[in-house]
Amino acid sequence: QVQLVESGGGLVQSGGSLRLSCAASRRNLRFDRMGWYRQAPGKERELVARINSGGSTYYADSVWGRFTISRHNAKNTVDLQMNSLKPEDTAVYYCNAATVVNVEGAEVESWGQGTQVTVSS
């Protein structure tokens, strides 16, 4: 079982920036994709951004152009640079990592414990 440890959350004013970082406890694992999800109070967890091992990225429409995801494959880390933050970005942000384990595409996922991001207006 691999652990994902997040850091970088906090309180910031609207328009400000934060950088979230996530590190896997084991560097010898290969993750096919890594990403960030978030969950606001009373809402379902949603995908914010993800990046695969080849560097292809996906962003939710709500963060497009403001957030940038990056990863370091050798270190098994993934970062999320968040700029132009809005109050609606307030949520607990979770790091996610997944590995495909068979030809049918079944995955094994790991989650971080979450880090709070609060954007004040």
C-alpha atoms as a PDB file:
ATOM      1  CA  GLN A   1       0.000   0.000   0.000  1.00  0.00           C
ATOM      2  CA  VAL A   2       1.408   3.349  -1.016  1.00  0.00           C
ATOM      3  CA  GLN A   3       0.718   6.563   0.869  1.00  0.00           C
ATOM      4  CA  LEU A   4       0.227   9.922  -0.789  1.00  0.00           C
ATOM      5  CA  VAL A   5       1.137  12.960   1.289  1.00  0.00           C
ATOM      6  CA  GLU A   6      -0.183  16.378   0.283  1.00  0.00           C
ATOM      7  CA  SER A   7       1.081  19.783   1.313  1.00  0.00           C
ATOM      8  CA  GLY A   8       0.582  23.411   0.368  1.00  0.00           C
ATOM      9  CA  GLY A   9      -3.030  24.134   1.229  1.00  0.00           C
ATOM     10  CA  GLY A  10      -4.095  27.182   3.174  1.00  0.00           C
ATOM     11  CA  LEU A  11      -6.014  30.447   3.183  1.00  0.00           C
ATOM     12  CA  VAL A  12      -5.606  32.927   0.352  1.00  0.00           C
ATOM     13  CA  GLN A  13      -7.490  35.965  -0.904  1.00  0.00           C
ATOM     14  CA  SER A  14      -9.404  35.934  -4.146  1.00  0.00           C
ATOM     15  CA  GLY A  15      -7.017  36.386  -7.055  1.00  0.00           C
ATOM     16  CA  GLY A  16      -4.130  34.867  -5.153  1.00  0.00           C
ATOM     17  CA  SER A  17      -2.101  31.729  -5.790  1.00  0.00           C
ATOM     18  CA  LEU A  18      -1.274  28.487  -4.038  1.00  0.00           C
ATOM     19  CA  ARG A  19       0.823  25.488  -4.989  1.00  0.00           C
ATOM     20  CA  LEU A  20      -0.176  22.008  -3.853  1.00  0.00           C
ATOM     21  CA  SER A  21       2.338  19.189  -3.777  1.00  0.00           C
ATOM     22  CA  CYS A  22       1.868  15.452  -3.408  1.00  0.00           C
ATOM     23  CA  ALA A  23       4.543  12.834  -2.840  1.00  0.00           C
ATOM     24  CA  ALA A  24       4.190   9.062  -2.900  1.00  0.00           C
ATOM     25  CA  SER A  25       5.780   7.126  -0.054  1.00  0.00           C
ATOM     26  CA  ARG A  26       7.409   4.726  -2.491  1.00  0.00           C
ATOM     27  CA  ARG A  27       9.451   5.883  -5.463  1.00  0.00           C
ATOM     28  CA  ASN A  28       9.748   2.454  -7.076  1.00  0.00           C
ATOM     29  CA  LEU A  29       6.099   2.368  -8.140  1.00  0.00           C
ATOM     30  CA  ARG A  30       4.960   3.458 -11.557  1.00  0.00           C
ATOM     31  CA  PHE A  31       1.727   5.399 -11.729  1.00  0.00           C
ATOM     32  CA  ASP A  32      -0.070   5.548 -15.044  1.00  0.00           C
ATOM     33  CA  ARG A  33      -1.829   8.707 -13.971  1.00  0.00           C
ATOM     34  CA  MET A  34      -1.742  11.178 -11.118  1.00  0.00           C
ATOM     35  CA  GLY A  35      -4.161  13.934 -10.390  1.00  0.00           C
ATOM     36  CA  TRP A  36      -6.045  16.198  -8.068  1.00  0.00           C
ATOM     37  CA  TYR A  37      -9.674  16.054  -7.004  1.00  0.00           C
ATOM     38  CA  ARG A  38     -11.585  18.399  -4.743  1.00  0.00           C
ATOM     39  CA  GLN A  39     -14.673  18.264  -2.598  1.00  0.00           C
ATOM     40  CA  ALA A  40     -16.533  21.310  -1.389  1.00  0.00           C
ATOM     41  CA  PRO A  41     -19.004  21.129   1.524  1.00  0.00           C
ATOM     42  CA  GLY A  42     -22.250  19.517   0.436  1.00  0.00           C
ATOM     43  CA  LYS A  43     -20.898  18.604  -3.004  1.00  0.00           C
ATOM     44  CA  GLU A  44     -19.527  15.483  -4.617  1.00  0.00           C
ATOM     45  CA  ARG A  45     -15.822  14.980  -5.156  1.00  0.00           C
ATOM     46  CA  GLU A  46     -14.820  16.212  -8.601  1.00  0.00           C
ATOM     47  CA  LEU A  47     -11.787  15.837 -10.821  1.00  0.00           C
ATOM     48  CA  VAL A  48      -9.755  19.029 -11.062  1.00  0.00           C
ATOM     49  CA  ALA A  49      -6.774  17.962 -13.165  1.00  0.00           C
ATOM     50  CA  ARG A  50      -4.819  14.847 -14.052  1.00  0.00           C
ATOM     51  CA  ILE A  51      -1.661  13.956 -15.902  1.00  0.00           C
ATOM     52  CA  ASN A  52      -0.536  10.625 -17.298  1.00  0.00           C
ATOM     53  CA  SER A  53       2.940   9.189 -17.358  1.00  0.00           C
ATOM     54  CA  GLY A  54       3.536  10.599 -20.833  1.00  0.00           C
ATOM     55  CA  GLY A  55       2.667  14.112 -19.772  1.00  0.00           C
ATOM     56  CA  SER A  56      -0.803  14.433 -21.301  1.00  0.00           C
ATOM     57  CA  THR A  57      -3.064  16.563 -19.153  1.00  0.00           C
ATOM     58  CA  TYR A  58      -6.753  17.096 -18.513  1.00  0.00           C
ATOM     59  CA  TYR A  59      -8.361  20.031 -16.731  1.00  0.00           C
ATOM     60  CA  ALA A  60     -11.886  20.640 -15.557  1.00  0.00           C
ATOM     61  CA  ASP A  61     -13.508  23.523 -17.418  1.00  0.00           C
ATOM     62  CA  SER A  62     -13.800  25.479 -14.189  1.00  0.00           C
ATOM     63  CA  VAL A  63     -10.018  25.646 -13.717  1.00  0.00           C
ATOM     64  CA  TRP A  64      -8.846  25.785 -17.335  1.00  0.00           C
ATOM     65  CA  GLY A  65      -6.247  28.502 -17.836  1.00  0.00           C
ATOM     66  CA  ARG A  66      -5.814  29.097 -14.104  1.00  0.00           C
ATOM     67  CA  PHE A  67      -4.416  25.795 -12.787  1.00  0.00           C
ATOM     68  CA  THR A  68      -1.390  23.869 -14.026  1.00  0.00           C
ATOM     69  CA  ILE A  69      -0.590  20.273 -13.135  1.00  0.00           C
ATOM     70  CA  SER A  70       2.912  18.830 -13.349  1.00  0.00           C
ATOM     71  CA  ARG A  71       4.615  15.636 -12.255  1.00  0.00           C
ATOM     72  CA  HIS A  72       8.078  14.248 -11.714  1.00  0.00           C
ATOM     73  CA  ASN A  73       7.964  10.582 -12.692  1.00  0.00           C
ATOM     74  CA  ALA A  74      11.254   9.576 -11.082  1.00  0.00           C
ATOM     75  CA  LYS A  75      10.271  11.126  -7.752  1.00  0.00           C
ATOM     76  CA  ASN A  76       6.603  10.120  -7.975  1.00  0.00           C
ATOM     77  CA  THR A  77       5.412  13.609  -7.169  1.00  0.00           C
ATOM     78  CA  VAL A  78       2.619  15.697  -8.628  1.00  0.00           C
ATOM     79  CA  ASP A  79       2.037  19.414  -8.141  1.00  0.00           C
ATOM     80  CA  LEU A  80      -0.893  21.707  -8.795  1.00  0.00           C
ATOM     81  CA  GLN A  81      -0.158  25.383  -9.350  1.00  0.00           C
ATOM     82  CA  MET A  82      -3.335  27.353  -8.726  1.00  0.00           C
ATOM     83  CA  ASN A  83      -3.504  30.952  -9.905  1.00  0.00           C
ATOM     84  CA  SER A  84      -6.304  33.520  -9.987  1.00  0.00           C
ATOM     85  CA  LEU A  85      -8.083  31.660  -7.229  1.00  0.00           C
ATOM     86  CA  LYS A  86     -11.781  32.251  -6.689  1.00  0.00           C
ATOM     87  CA  PRO A  87     -13.983  31.679  -3.629  1.00  0.00           C
ATOM     88  CA  GLU A  88     -15.649  28.814  -5.497  1.00  0.00           C
ATOM     89  CA  ASP A  89     -12.287  27.009  -5.525  1.00  0.00           C
ATOM     90  CA  THR A  90     -12.639  26.544  -1.768  1.00  0.00           C
ATOM     91  CA  ALA A  91     -12.581  22.819  -1.043  1.00  0.00           C
ATOM     92  CA  VAL A  92     -10.556  19.954   0.344  1.00  0.00           C
ATOM     93  CA  TYR A  93      -8.111  18.921  -2.372  1.00  0.00           C
ATOM     94  CA  TYR A  94      -7.111  15.267  -2.688  1.00  0.00           C
ATOM     95  CA  CYS A  95      -4.149  13.774  -4.484  1.00  0.00           C
ATOM     96  CA  ASN A  96      -4.855  10.644  -6.521  1.00  0.00           C
ATOM     97  CA  ALA A  97      -2.608   8.122  -8.207  1.00  0.00           C
ATOM     98  CA  ALA A  98      -3.593   5.101 -10.265  1.00  0.00           C
ATOM     99  CA  THR A  99      -1.903   2.153 -11.921  1.00  0.00           C
ATOM    100  CA  VAL A 100      -3.424  -0.111 -14.562  1.00  0.00           C
ATOM    101  CA  VAL A 101      -2.955  -3.695 -13.405  1.00  0.00           C
ATOM    102  CA  ASN A 102      -4.324  -5.819 -16.266  1.00  0.00           C
ATOM    103  CA  VAL A 103      -5.158  -5.759 -19.963  1.00  0.00           C
ATOM    104  CA  GLU A 104      -8.822  -5.085 -19.204  1.00  0.00           C
ATOM    105  CA  GLY A 105      -7.845  -1.732 -17.728  1.00  0.00           C
ATOM    106  CA  ALA A 106      -8.540  -2.443 -14.076  1.00  0.00           C
ATOM    107  CA  GLU A 107      -6.808   0.101 -11.863  1.00  0.00           C
ATOM    108  CA  VAL A 108      -5.439   0.283  -8.360  1.00  0.00           C
ATOM    109  CA  GLU A 109      -5.919   3.738  -6.882  1.00  0.00           C
ATOM    110  CA  SER A 110      -4.389   5.539  -3.943  1.00  0.00           C
ATOM    111  CA  TRP A 111      -5.630   8.710  -2.263  1.00  0.00           C
ATOM    112  CA  GLY A 112      -4.077  11.317  -0.068  1.00  0.00           C
ATOM    113  CA  GLN A 113      -5.653  12.503   3.151  1.00  0.00           C
ATOM    114  CA  GLY A 114      -6.676  15.851   1.689  1.00  0.00           C
ATOM    115  CA  THR A 115      -5.547  19.423   2.202  1.00  0.00           C
ATOM    116  CA  GLN A 116      -7.861  22.386   2.779  1.00  0.00           C
ATOM    117  CA  VAL A 117      -7.834  25.297   0.366  1.00  0.00           C
ATOM    118  CA  THR A 118      -9.870  28.328   1.395  1.00  0.00           C
ATOM    119  CA  VAL A 119     -10.245  31.370  -0.849  1.00  0.00           C
ATOM    120  CA  SER A 120     -11.702  34.471   0.776  1.00  0.00           C
ATOM    121  CA  SER A 121     -13.592  37.086  -1.194  1.00  0.00           C
END
